[in-house]
């Protein structure tokens, strides 16, 4: 699985509460991603076995809204997401200490 910044945002949101079931709008609010970015990511993660997806069992007429599709990390997904985010963090960490900037004209 290729871990892009949007994928990392989704994984981080899901890992904040690994057992929690999240639906699309909830994840959009947590990640700041639009639906056109979020849903393809959820589909890829589900296809990879990292997410389980299930429609809630409600009567839309009684509830006054359509049924939601809930997503949650699978045990494999928890392990893989943690590993992927750790690798991403390690890859983006500076390797050399940053030197303080000097002002022009000063040594």
PDB file of N, CA and C in Angstrom:
ATOM      1  N   UNK A   1       0.844  -1.173   0.000  1.00  0.00           N
ATOM      2  CA  UNK A   1       0.000   0.000   0.000  1.00  0.00           C
ATOM      3  C   UNK A   1       0.891   1.238   0.000  1.00  0.00           C
ATOM      4  N   UNK A   2       0.625   2.146  -0.911  1.00  0.00           N
ATOM      5  CA  UNK A   2       1.378   3.403  -0.990  1.00  0.00           C
ATOM      6  C   UNK A   2       0.800   4.372   0.034  1.00  0.00           C
ATOM      7  N   UNK A   3       1.660   4.891   0.906  1.00  0.00           N
ATOM      8  CA  UNK A   3       1.210   5.775   1.971  1.00  0.00           C
ATOM      9  C   UNK A   3       1.475   7.228   1.563  1.00  0.00           C
ATOM     10  N   UNK A   4       0.433   7.868   1.072  1.00  0.00           N
ATOM     11  CA  UNK A   4       0.500   9.281   0.736  1.00  0.00           C
ATOM     12  C   UNK A   4       0.084  10.080   1.963  1.00  0.00           C
ATOM     13  N   UNK A   5       0.193  11.399   1.882  1.00  0.00           N
ATOM     14  CA  UNK A   5      -0.228  12.233   3.011  1.00  0.00           C
ATOM     15  C   UNK A   5      -1.718  12.023   3.312  1.00  0.00           C
ATOM     16  N   UNK A   6      -2.609  12.008   2.304  1.00  0.00           N
ATOM     17  CA  UNK A   6      -4.016  11.756   2.636  1.00  0.00           C
ATOM     18  C   UNK A   6      -4.247  10.381   3.271  1.00  0.00           C
ATOM     19  N   UNK A   7      -3.569   9.354   2.779  1.00  0.00           N
ATOM     20  CA  UNK A   7      -3.706   8.018   3.377  1.00  0.00           C
ATOM     21  C   UNK A   7      -3.211   8.050   4.818  1.00  0.00           C
ATOM     22  N   UNK A   8      -2.107   8.729   5.060  1.00  0.00           N
ATOM     23  CA  UNK A   8      -1.571   8.830   6.417  1.00  0.00           C
ATOM     24  C   UNK A   8      -2.565   9.540   7.335  1.00  0.00           C
ATOM     25  N   UNK A   9      -3.249  10.562   6.832  1.00  0.00           N
ATOM     26  CA  UNK A   9      -4.258  11.255   7.641  1.00  0.00           C
ATOM     27  C   UNK A   9      -5.394  10.310   8.034  1.00  0.00           C
ATOM     28  N   UNK A  10      -5.848   9.518   7.081  1.00  0.00           N
ATOM     29  CA  UNK A  10      -6.933   8.571   7.349  1.00  0.00           C
ATOM     30  C   UNK A  10      -6.475   7.535   8.373  1.00  0.00           C
ATOM     31  N   UNK A  11      -5.284   6.990   8.167  1.00  0.00           N
ATOM     32  CA  UNK A  11      -4.778   5.980   9.101  1.00  0.00           C
ATOM     33  C   UNK A  11      -4.601   6.556  10.501  1.00  0.00           C
ATOM     34  N   UNK A  12      -4.074   7.768  10.595  1.00  0.00           N
ATOM     35  CA  UNK A  12      -3.883   8.391  11.906  1.00  0.00           C
ATOM     36  C   UNK A  12      -5.227   8.611  12.597  1.00  0.00           C
ATOM     37  N   UNK A  13      -6.238   9.041  11.843  1.00  0.00           N
ATOM     38  CA  UNK A  13      -7.570   9.250  12.427  1.00  0.00           C
ATOM     39  C   UNK A  13      -8.149   7.936  12.934  1.00  0.00           C
ATOM     40  N   UNK A  14      -7.972   6.880  12.160  1.00  0.00           N
ATOM     41  CA  UNK A  14      -8.497   5.577  12.568  1.00  0.00           C
ATOM     42  C   UNK A  14      -7.721   5.003  13.747  1.00  0.00           C
ATOM     43  N   UNK A  15      -6.411   5.235  13.779  1.00  0.00           N
ATOM     44  CA  UNK A  15      -5.594   4.713  14.880  1.00  0.00           C
ATOM     45  C   UNK A  15      -5.814   5.465  16.193  1.00  0.00           C
ATOM     46  N   UNK A  16      -6.383   6.655  16.127  1.00  0.00           N
ATOM     47  CA  UNK A  16      -6.646   7.402  17.364  1.00  0.00           C
ATOM     48  C   UNK A  16      -7.562   6.606  18.285  1.00  0.00           C
ATOM     49  N   UNK A  17      -8.491   5.858  17.708  1.00  0.00           N
ATOM     50  CA  UNK A  17      -9.372   4.949  18.447  1.00  0.00           C
ATOM     51  C   UNK A  17      -9.556   3.717  17.577  1.00  0.00           C
ATOM     52  N   UNK A  18      -8.614   2.767  17.629  1.00  0.00           N
ATOM     53  CA  UNK A  18      -8.623   1.634  16.690  1.00  0.00           C
ATOM     54  C   UNK A  18      -9.882   0.773  16.680  1.00  0.00           C
ATOM     55  N   UNK A  19     -10.583   0.691  17.800  1.00  0.00           N
ATOM     56  CA  UNK A  19     -11.789  -0.148  17.841  1.00  0.00           C
ATOM     57  C   UNK A  19     -13.044   0.605  17.417  1.00  0.00           C
ATOM     58  N   UNK A  20     -12.943   1.914  17.269  1.00  0.00           N
ATOM     59  CA  UNK A  20     -14.119   2.726  16.943  1.00  0.00           C
ATOM     60  C   UNK A  20     -14.546   2.517  15.497  1.00  0.00           C
ATOM     61  N   UNK A  21     -15.848   2.558  15.293  1.00  0.00           N
ATOM     62  CA  UNK A  21     -16.386   2.509  13.939  1.00  0.00           C
ATOM     63  C   UNK A  21     -16.621   3.945  13.498  1.00  0.00           C
ATOM     64  N   UNK A  22     -16.147   4.255  12.320  1.00  0.00           N
ATOM     65  CA  UNK A  22     -16.254   5.611  11.780  1.00  0.00           C
ATOM     66  C   UNK A  22     -16.992   5.573  10.457  1.00  0.00           C
ATOM     67  N   UNK A  23     -17.782   6.593  10.189  1.00  0.00           N
ATOM     68  CA  UNK A  23     -18.444   6.688   8.891  1.00  0.00           C
ATOM     69  C   UNK A  23     -17.815   7.844   8.117  1.00  0.00           C
ATOM     70  N   UNK A  24     -18.151   7.944   6.847  1.00  0.00           N
ATOM     71  CA  UNK A  24     -17.491   8.874   5.949  1.00  0.00           C
ATOM     72  C   UNK A  24     -17.435  10.315   6.415  1.00  0.00           C
ATOM     73  N   UNK A  25     -18.583  10.893   6.767  1.00  0.00           N
ATOM     74  CA  UNK A  25     -18.595  12.297   7.181  1.00  0.00           C
ATOM     75  C   UNK A  25     -17.742  12.504   8.428  1.00  0.00           C
ATOM     76  N   UNK A  26     -17.778  11.571   9.340  1.00  0.00           N
ATOM     77  CA  UNK A  26     -16.955  11.627  10.548  1.00  0.00           C
ATOM     78  C   UNK A  26     -15.474  11.677  10.153  1.00  0.00           C
ATOM     79  N   UNK A  27     -15.067  10.811   9.242  1.00  0.00           N
ATOM     80  CA  UNK A  27     -13.672  10.785   8.797  1.00  0.00           C
ATOM     81  C   UNK A  27     -13.305  12.034   8.001  1.00  0.00           C
ATOM     82  N   UNK A  28     -14.248  12.567   7.237  1.00  0.00           N
ATOM     83  CA  UNK A  28     -13.982  13.807   6.512  1.00  0.00           C
ATOM     84  C   UNK A  28     -13.690  14.934   7.496  1.00  0.00           C
ATOM     85  N   UNK A  29     -14.467  14.997   8.573  1.00  0.00           N
ATOM     86  CA  UNK A  29     -14.250  16.030   9.595  1.00  0.00           C
ATOM     87  C   UNK A  29     -12.931  15.829  10.335  1.00  0.00           C
ATOM     88  N   UNK A  30     -12.569  14.590  10.626  1.00  0.00           N
ATOM     89  CA  UNK A  30     -11.325  14.304  11.349  1.00  0.00           C
ATOM     90  C   UNK A  30     -10.079  14.565  10.510  1.00  0.00           C
ATOM     91  N   UNK A  31     -10.172  14.299   9.205  1.00  0.00           N
ATOM     92  CA  UNK A  31      -8.992  14.384   8.349  1.00  0.00           C
ATOM     93  C   UNK A  31      -8.910  15.674   7.535  1.00  0.00           C
ATOM     94  N   UNK A  32     -10.038  16.338   7.356  1.00  0.00           N
ATOM     95  CA  UNK A  32     -10.065  17.514   6.496  1.00  0.00           C
ATOM     96  C   UNK A  32     -10.060  17.170   5.020  1.00  0.00           C
ATOM     97  N   UNK A  33     -10.265  15.899   4.691  1.00  0.00           N
ATOM     98  CA  UNK A  33     -10.251  15.462   3.293  1.00  0.00           C
ATOM     99  C   UNK A  33     -11.645  15.543   2.683  1.00  0.00           C
ATOM    100  N   UNK A  34     -11.722  15.911   1.401  1.00  0.00           N
ATOM    101  CA  UNK A  34     -13.021  15.896   0.728  1.00  0.00           C
ATOM    102  C   UNK A  34     -13.433  14.467   0.396  1.00  0.00           C
ATOM    103  N   UNK A  35     -14.716  14.288   0.143  1.00  0.00           N
ATOM    104  CA  UNK A  35     -15.236  12.946  -0.130  1.00  0.00           C
ATOM    105  C   UNK A  35     -14.569  12.298  -1.339  1.00  0.00           C
ATOM    106  N   UNK A  36     -14.248  13.075  -2.356  1.00  0.00           N
ATOM    107  CA  UNK A  36     -13.618  12.526  -3.556  1.00  0.00           C
ATOM    108  C   UNK A  36     -12.217  11.992  -3.326  1.00  0.00           C
ATOM    109  N   UNK A  37     -11.598  12.400  -2.246  1.00  0.00           N
ATOM    110  CA  UNK A  37     -10.283  11.879  -1.856  1.00  0.00           C
ATOM    111  C   UNK A  37     -10.454  10.751  -0.845  1.00  0.00           C
ATOM    112  N   UNK A  38     -11.351  10.949   0.105  1.00  0.00           N
ATOM    113  CA  UNK A  38     -11.523   9.989   1.208  1.00  0.00           C
ATOM    114  C   UNK A  38     -12.039   8.634   0.744  1.00  0.00           C
ATOM    115  N   UNK A  39     -13.133   8.628  -0.018  1.00  0.00           N
ATOM    116  CA  UNK A  39     -13.764   7.345  -0.339  1.00  0.00           C
ATOM    117  C   UNK A  39     -12.894   6.412  -1.169  1.00  0.00           C
ATOM    118  N   UNK A  40     -12.118   6.897  -2.134  1.00  0.00           N
ATOM    119  CA  UNK A  40     -11.195   5.971  -2.813  1.00  0.00           C
ATOM    120  C   UNK A  40     -10.147   5.382  -1.860  1.00  0.00           C
ATOM    121  N   UNK A  41      -9.702   6.176  -0.897  1.00  0.00           N
ATOM    122  CA  UNK A  41      -8.748   5.665   0.094  1.00  0.00           C
ATOM    123  C   UNK A  41      -9.400   4.571   0.931  1.00  0.00           C
ATOM    124  N   UNK A  42     -10.622   4.814   1.391  1.00  0.00           N
ATOM    125  CA  UNK A  42     -11.327   3.800   2.180  1.00  0.00           C
ATOM    126  C   UNK A  42     -11.525   2.524   1.377  1.00  0.00           C
ATOM    127  N   UNK A  43     -11.813   2.675   0.093  1.00  0.00           N
ATOM    128  CA  UNK A  43     -11.997   1.511  -0.768  1.00  0.00           C
ATOM    129  C   UNK A  43     -10.692   0.715  -0.907  1.00  0.00           C
ATOM    130  N   UNK A  44      -9.572   1.424  -1.104  1.00  0.00           N
ATOM    131  CA  UNK A  44      -8.280   0.725  -1.220  1.00  0.00           C
ATOM    132  C   UNK A  44      -7.901   0.032   0.090  1.00  0.00           C
ATOM    133  N   UNK A  45      -8.113   0.713   1.214  1.00  0.00           N
ATOM    134  CA  UNK A  45      -7.779   0.114   2.509  1.00  0.00           C
ATOM    135  C   UNK A  45      -8.657  -1.107   2.795  1.00  0.00           C
ATOM    136  N   UNK A  46      -9.920  -1.035   2.395  1.00  0.00           N
ATOM    137  CA  UNK A  46     -10.816  -2.184   2.567  1.00  0.00           C
ATOM    138  C   UNK A  46     -10.358  -3.334   1.682  1.00  0.00           C
ATOM    139  N   UNK A  47     -10.009  -3.038   0.442  1.00  0.00           N
ATOM    140  CA  UNK A  47      -9.536  -4.074  -0.481  1.00  0.00           C
ATOM    141  C   UNK A  47      -8.242  -4.736  -0.024  1.00  0.00           C
ATOM    142  N   UNK A  48      -7.406  -3.970   0.686  1.00  0.00           N
ATOM    143  CA  UNK A  48      -6.143  -4.509   1.199  1.00  0.00           C
ATOM    144  C   UNK A  48      -6.334  -5.305   2.484  1.00  0.00           C
ATOM    145  N   UNK A  49      -7.552  -5.287   3.035  1.00  0.00           N
ATOM    146  CA  UNK A  49      -7.809  -6.019   4.277  1.00  0.00           C
ATOM    147  C   UNK A  49      -7.492  -5.226   5.529  1.00  0.00           C
ATOM    148  N   UNK A  50      -7.183  -3.935   5.378  1.00  0.00           N
ATOM    149  CA  UNK A  50      -6.856  -3.114   6.533  1.00  0.00           C
ATOM    150  C   UNK A  50      -8.113  -2.597   7.229  1.00  0.00           C
ATOM    151  N   UNK A  51      -9.215  -2.502   6.490  1.00  0.00           N
ATOM    152  CA  UNK A  51     -10.475  -2.012   7.041  1.00  0.00           C
ATOM    153  C   UNK A  51     -11.575  -3.020   6.837  1.00  0.00           C
ATOM    154  N   UNK A  52     -12.489  -3.055   7.786  1.00  0.00           N
ATOM    155  CA  UNK A  52     -13.742  -3.776   7.616  1.00  0.00           C
ATOM    156  C   UNK A  52     -14.807  -2.703   7.413  1.00  0.00           C
ATOM    157  N   UNK A  53     -15.729  -2.970   6.509  1.00  0.00           N
ATOM    158  CA  UNK A  53     -16.791  -2.003   6.219  1.00  0.00           C
ATOM    159  C   UNK A  53     -18.134  -2.708   6.335  1.00  0.00           C
ATOM    160  N   UNK A  54     -19.087  -2.029   6.960  1.00  0.00           N
ATOM    161  CA  UNK A  54     -20.398  -2.631   7.175  1.00  0.00           C
ATOM    162  C   UNK A  54     -21.467  -1.544   7.186  1.00  0.00           C
ATOM    163  N   UNK A  55     -22.569  -1.808   6.491  1.00  0.00           N
ATOM    164  CA  UNK A  55     -23.697  -0.889   6.497  1.00  0.00           C
ATOM    165  C   UNK A  55     -24.457  -1.037   7.805  1.00  0.00           C
ATOM    166  N   UNK A  56     -24.857   0.080   8.392  1.00  0.00           N
ATOM    167  CA  UNK A  56     -25.673  -0.010   9.600  1.00  0.00           C
ATOM    168  C   UNK A  56     -27.068  -0.489   9.225  1.00  0.00           C
ATOM    169  N   UNK A  57     -27.682  -1.167  10.154  1.00  0.00           N
ATOM    170  CA  UNK A  57     -29.010  -1.727   9.938  1.00  0.00           C
ATOM    171  C   UNK A  57     -30.052  -0.793  10.540  1.00  0.00           C
ATOM    172  N   UNK A  58     -30.540   0.128   9.719  1.00  0.00           N
ATOM    173  CA  UNK A  58     -31.577   1.056  10.174  1.00  0.00           C
ATOM    174  C   UNK A  58     -32.667   1.137   9.111  1.00  0.00           C
ATOM    175  N   UNK A  59     -33.769   1.697   9.502  1.00  0.00           N
ATOM    176  CA  UNK A  59     -34.825   2.036   8.556  1.00  0.00           C
ATOM    177  C   UNK A  59     -34.641   3.521   8.244  1.00  0.00           C
ATOM    178  N   UNK A  60     -34.214   3.861   7.024  1.00  0.00           N
ATOM    179  CA  UNK A  60     -33.953   5.260   6.691  1.00  0.00           C
ATOM    180  C   UNK A  60     -35.166   6.170   6.879  1.00  0.00           C
ATOM    181  N   UNK A  61     -36.360   5.640   6.685  1.00  0.00           N
ATOM    182  CA  UNK A  61     -37.567   6.453   6.868  1.00  0.00           C
ATOM    183  C   UNK A  61     -37.736   6.819   8.339  1.00  0.00           C
ATOM    184  N   UNK A  62     -37.552   5.850   9.205  1.00  0.00           N
ATOM    185  CA  UNK A  62     -37.694   6.096  10.646  1.00  0.00           C
ATOM    186  C   UNK A  62     -36.596   7.033  11.141  1.00  0.00           C
ATOM    187  N   UNK A  63     -35.374   6.812  10.692  1.00  0.00           N
ATOM    188  CA  UNK A  63     -34.237   7.609  11.150  1.00  0.00           C
ATOM    189  C   UNK A  63     -34.180   8.989  10.483  1.00  0.00           C
ATOM    190  N   UNK A  64     -34.817   9.119   9.327  1.00  0.00           N
ATOM    191  CA  UNK A  64     -34.786  10.391   8.619  1.00  0.00           C
ATOM    192  C   UNK A  64     -33.470  10.678   7.935  1.00  0.00           C
ATOM    193  N   UNK A  65     -32.708   9.634   7.655  1.00  0.00           N
ATOM    194  CA  UNK A  65     -31.419   9.763   6.969  1.00  0.00           C
ATOM    195  C   UNK A  65     -31.054   8.426   6.351  1.00  0.00           C
ATOM    196  N   UNK A  66     -30.178   8.459   5.363  1.00  0.00           N
ATOM    197  CA  UNK A  66     -29.747   7.179   4.775  1.00  0.00           C
ATOM    198  C   UNK A  66     -28.873   6.386   5.750  1.00  0.00           C
ATOM    199  N   UNK A  67     -28.785   5.093   5.512  1.00  0.00           N
ATOM    200  CA  UNK A  67     -27.899   4.248   6.322  1.00  0.00           C
ATOM    201  C   UNK A  67     -26.454   4.676   6.092  1.00  0.00           C
ATOM    202  N   UNK A  68     -25.667   4.558   7.130  1.00  0.00           N
ATOM    203  CA  UNK A  68     -24.241   4.887   7.049  1.00  0.00           C
ATOM    204  C   UNK A  68     -23.427   3.616   6.865  1.00  0.00           C
ATOM    205  N   UNK A  69     -22.333   3.755   6.165  1.00  0.00           N
ATOM    206  CA  UNK A  69     -21.377   2.652   6.059  1.00  0.00           C
ATOM    207  C   UNK A  69     -20.275   2.946   7.069  1.00  0.00           C
ATOM    208  N   UNK A  70     -20.091   2.028   7.993  1.00  0.00           N
ATOM    209  CA  UNK A  70     -19.094   2.206   9.042  1.00  0.00           C
ATOM    210  C   UNK A  70     -17.821   1.443   8.697  1.00  0.00           C
ATOM    211  N   UNK A  71     -16.696   2.066   9.022  1.00  0.00           N
ATOM    212  CA  UNK A  71     -15.372   1.494   8.768  1.00  0.00           C
ATOM    213  C   UNK A  71     -14.640   1.377  10.092  1.00  0.00           C
ATOM    214  N   UNK A  72     -13.889   0.293  10.224  1.00  0.00           N
ATOM    215  CA  UNK A  72     -13.015   0.147  11.390  1.00  0.00           C
ATOM    216  C   UNK A  72     -11.795  -0.645  10.958  1.00  0.00           C
ATOM    217  N   UNK A  73     -10.698  -0.411  11.645  1.00  0.00           N
ATOM    218  CA  UNK A  73      -9.469  -1.136  11.341  1.00  0.00           C
ATOM    219  C   UNK A  73      -9.605  -2.600  11.728  1.00  0.00           C
ATOM    220  N   UNK A  74      -9.083  -3.474  10.887  1.00  0.00           N
ATOM    221  CA  UNK A  74      -8.993  -4.889  11.222  1.00  0.00           C
ATOM    222  C   UNK A  74      -7.725  -5.072  12.062  1.00  0.00           C
ATOM    223  N   UNK A  75      -7.552  -6.214  12.699  1.00  0.00           N
ATOM    224  CA  UNK A  75      -6.287  -6.446  13.421  1.00  0.00           C
ATOM    225  C   UNK A  75      -5.070  -6.280  12.493  1.00  0.00           C
ATOM    226  N   UNK A  76      -5.171  -6.790  11.270  1.00  0.00           N
ATOM    227  CA  UNK A  76      -4.091  -6.597  10.289  1.00  0.00           C
ATOM    228  C   UNK A  76      -3.909  -5.110  10.019  1.00  0.00           C
ATOM    229  N   UNK A  77      -5.010  -4.383   9.869  1.00  0.00           N
ATOM    230  CA  UNK A  77      -4.948  -2.959   9.589  1.00  0.00           C
ATOM    231  C   UNK A  77      -4.278  -2.164  10.691  1.00  0.00           C
ATOM    232  N   UNK A  78      -4.562  -2.506  11.932  1.00  0.00           N
ATOM    233  CA  UNK A  78      -3.921  -1.823  13.061  1.00  0.00           C
ATOM    234  C   UNK A  78      -2.411  -2.008  12.980  1.00  0.00           C
ATOM    235  N   UNK A  79      -1.983  -3.247  12.791  1.00  0.00           N
ATOM    236  CA  UNK A  79      -0.552  -3.547  12.719  1.00  0.00           C
ATOM    237  C   UNK A  79       0.101  -2.838  11.539  1.00  0.00           C
ATOM    238  N   UNK A  80      -0.507  -2.979  10.362  1.00  0.00           N
ATOM    239  CA  UNK A  80       0.065  -2.386   9.153  1.00  0.00           C
ATOM    240  C   UNK A  80       0.046  -0.861   9.200  1.00  0.00           C
ATOM    241  N   UNK A  81      -1.024  -0.279   9.718  1.00  0.00           N
ATOM    242  CA  UNK A  81      -1.118   1.183   9.798  1.00  0.00           C
ATOM    243  C   UNK A  81      -0.058   1.741  10.739  1.00  0.00           C
ATOM    244  N   UNK A  82       0.110   1.111  11.880  1.00  0.00           N
ATOM    245  CA  UNK A  82       1.145   1.570  12.826  1.00  0.00           C
ATOM    246  C   UNK A  82       2.523   1.484  12.195  1.00  0.00           C
ATOM    247  N   UNK A  83       2.790   0.379  11.513  1.00  0.00           N
ATOM    248  CA  UNK A  83       4.087   0.199  10.864  1.00  0.00           C
ATOM    249  C   UNK A  83       4.286   1.237   9.760  1.00  0.00           C
ATOM    250  N   UNK A  84       3.273   1.440   8.940  1.00  0.00           N
ATOM    251  CA  UNK A  84       3.379   2.390   7.824  1.00  0.00           C
ATOM    252  C   UNK A  84       3.613   3.810   8.327  1.00  0.00           C
ATOM    253  N   UNK A  85       2.899   4.216   9.367  1.00  0.00           N
ATOM    254  CA  UNK A  85       3.084   5.563   9.895  1.00  0.00           C
ATOM    255  C   UNK A  85       4.440   5.719  10.578  1.00  0.00           C
ATOM    256  N   UNK A  86       4.914   4.673  11.233  1.00  0.00           N
ATOM    257  CA  UNK A  86       6.248   4.723  11.845  1.00  0.00           C
ATOM    258  C   UNK A  86       7.320   4.861  10.764  1.00  0.00           C
ATOM    259  N   UNK A  87       7.175   4.118   9.675  1.00  0.00           N
ATOM    260  CA  UNK A  87       8.138   4.219   8.571  1.00  0.00           C
ATOM    261  C   UNK A  87       8.088   5.597   7.926  1.00  0.00           C
ATOM    262  N   UNK A  88       6.894   6.130   7.755  1.00  0.00           N
ATOM    263  CA  UNK A  88       6.750   7.468   7.181  1.00  0.00           C
ATOM    264  C   UNK A  88       7.397   8.504   8.080  1.00  0.00           C
ATOM    265  N   UNK A  89       7.172   8.381   9.371  1.00  0.00           N
ATOM    266  CA  UNK A  89       7.777   9.310  10.329  1.00  0.00           C
ATOM    267  C   UNK A  89       9.298   9.225  10.274  1.00  0.00           C
ATOM    268  N   UNK A  90       9.817   8.023  10.237  1.00  0.00           N
ATOM    269  CA  UNK A  90      11.277   7.839  10.183  1.00  0.00           C
ATOM    270  C   UNK A  90      11.852   8.403   8.879  1.00  0.00           C
ATOM    271  N   UNK A  91      11.127   8.244   7.793  1.00  0.00           N
ATOM    272  CA  UNK A  91      11.615   8.710   6.493  1.00  0.00           C
ATOM    273  C   UNK A  91      11.580  10.226   6.371  1.00  0.00           C
ATOM    274  N   UNK A  92      10.739  10.887   7.145  1.00  0.00           N
ATOM    275  CA  UNK A  92      10.614  12.336   7.031  1.00  0.00           C
ATOM    276  C   UNK A  92      11.324  13.088   8.142  1.00  0.00           C
ATOM    277  N   UNK A  93      11.952  12.360   9.032  1.00  0.00           N
ATOM    278  CA  UNK A  93      12.702  12.985  10.129  1.00  0.00           C
ATOM    279  C   UNK A  93      14.039  13.487   9.597  1.00  0.00           C
ATOM    280  N   UNK A  94      14.457  14.691   9.986  1.00  0.00           N
ATOM    281  CA  UNK A  94      15.764  15.177   9.535  1.00  0.00           C
ATOM    282  C   UNK A  94      16.874  14.250  10.020  1.00  0.00           C
ATOM    283  N   UNK A  95      17.853  14.018   9.171  1.00  0.00           N
ATOM    284  CA  UNK A  95      18.946  13.118   9.549  1.00  0.00           C
ATOM    285  C   UNK A  95      20.077  13.860  10.237  1.00  0.00           C
ATOM    286  N   UNK A  96      20.244  15.138   9.945  1.00  0.00           N
ATOM    287  CA  UNK A  96      21.304  15.926  10.569  1.00  0.00           C
ATOM    288  C   UNK A  96      20.659  17.009  11.428  1.00  0.00           C
ATOM    289  N   UNK A  97      21.298  17.354  12.515  1.00  0.00           N
ATOM    290  CA  UNK A  97      20.736  18.422  13.340  1.00  0.00           C
ATOM    291  C   UNK A  97      20.690  19.724  12.540  1.00  0.00           C
ATOM    292  N   UNK A  98      19.639  20.469  12.743  1.00  0.00           N
ATOM    293  CA  UNK A  98      19.509  21.745  12.067  1.00  0.00           C
ATOM    294  C   UNK A  98      20.447  22.757  12.712  1.00  0.00           C
ATOM    295  N   UNK A  99      21.112  23.530  11.867  1.00  0.00           N
ATOM    296  CA  UNK A  99      21.995  24.565  12.388  1.00  0.00           C
ATOM    297  C   UNK A  99      21.198  25.852  12.517  1.00  0.00           C
ATOM    298  N   UNK A 100      21.478  26.611  13.552  1.00  0.00           N
ATOM    299  CA  UNK A 100      20.777  27.881  13.686  1.00  0.00           C
ATOM    300  C   UNK A 100      21.145  28.814  12.541  1.00  0.00           C
ATOM    301  N   UNK A 101      20.158  29.568  12.106  1.00  0.00           N
ATOM    302  CA  UNK A 101      20.414  30.544  11.040  1.00  0.00           C
ATOM    303  C   UNK A 101      21.130  31.746  11.615  1.00  0.00           C
ATOM    304  N   UNK A 102      22.059  32.263  10.848  1.00  0.00           N
ATOM    305  CA  UNK A 102      22.747  33.492  11.280  1.00  0.00           C
ATOM    306  C   UNK A 102      22.155  34.653  10.503  1.00  0.00           C
ATOM    307  N   UNK A 103      22.178  35.794  11.134  1.00  0.00           N
ATOM    308  CA  UNK A 103      21.664  36.981  10.470  1.00  0.00           C
ATOM    309  C   UNK A 103      22.689  37.460   9.458  1.00  0.00           C
ATOM    310  N   UNK A 104      22.239  38.078   8.340  1.00  0.00           N
ATOM    311  CA  UNK A 104      23.197  38.605   7.366  1.00  0.00           C
ATOM    312  C   UNK A 104      24.154  39.577   8.029  1.00  0.00           C
ATOM    313  N   UNK A 105      25.416  39.481   7.677  1.00  0.00           N
ATOM    314  CA  UNK A 105      26.421  40.361   8.236  1.00  0.00           C
ATOM    315  C   UNK A 105      27.024  39.861   9.541  1.00  0.00           C
ATOM    316  N   UNK A 106      26.479  38.744  10.055  1.00  0.00           N
ATOM    317  CA  UNK A 106      27.040  38.178  11.302  1.00  0.00           C
ATOM    318  C   UNK A 106      27.596  36.804  11.003  1.00  0.00           C
ATOM    319  N   UNK A 107      28.632  36.462  11.680  1.00  0.00           N
ATOM    320  CA  UNK A 107      29.248  35.166  11.458  1.00  0.00           C
ATOM    321  C   UNK A 107      28.769  34.149  12.422  1.00  0.00           C
TER     322      UNK A 107
END
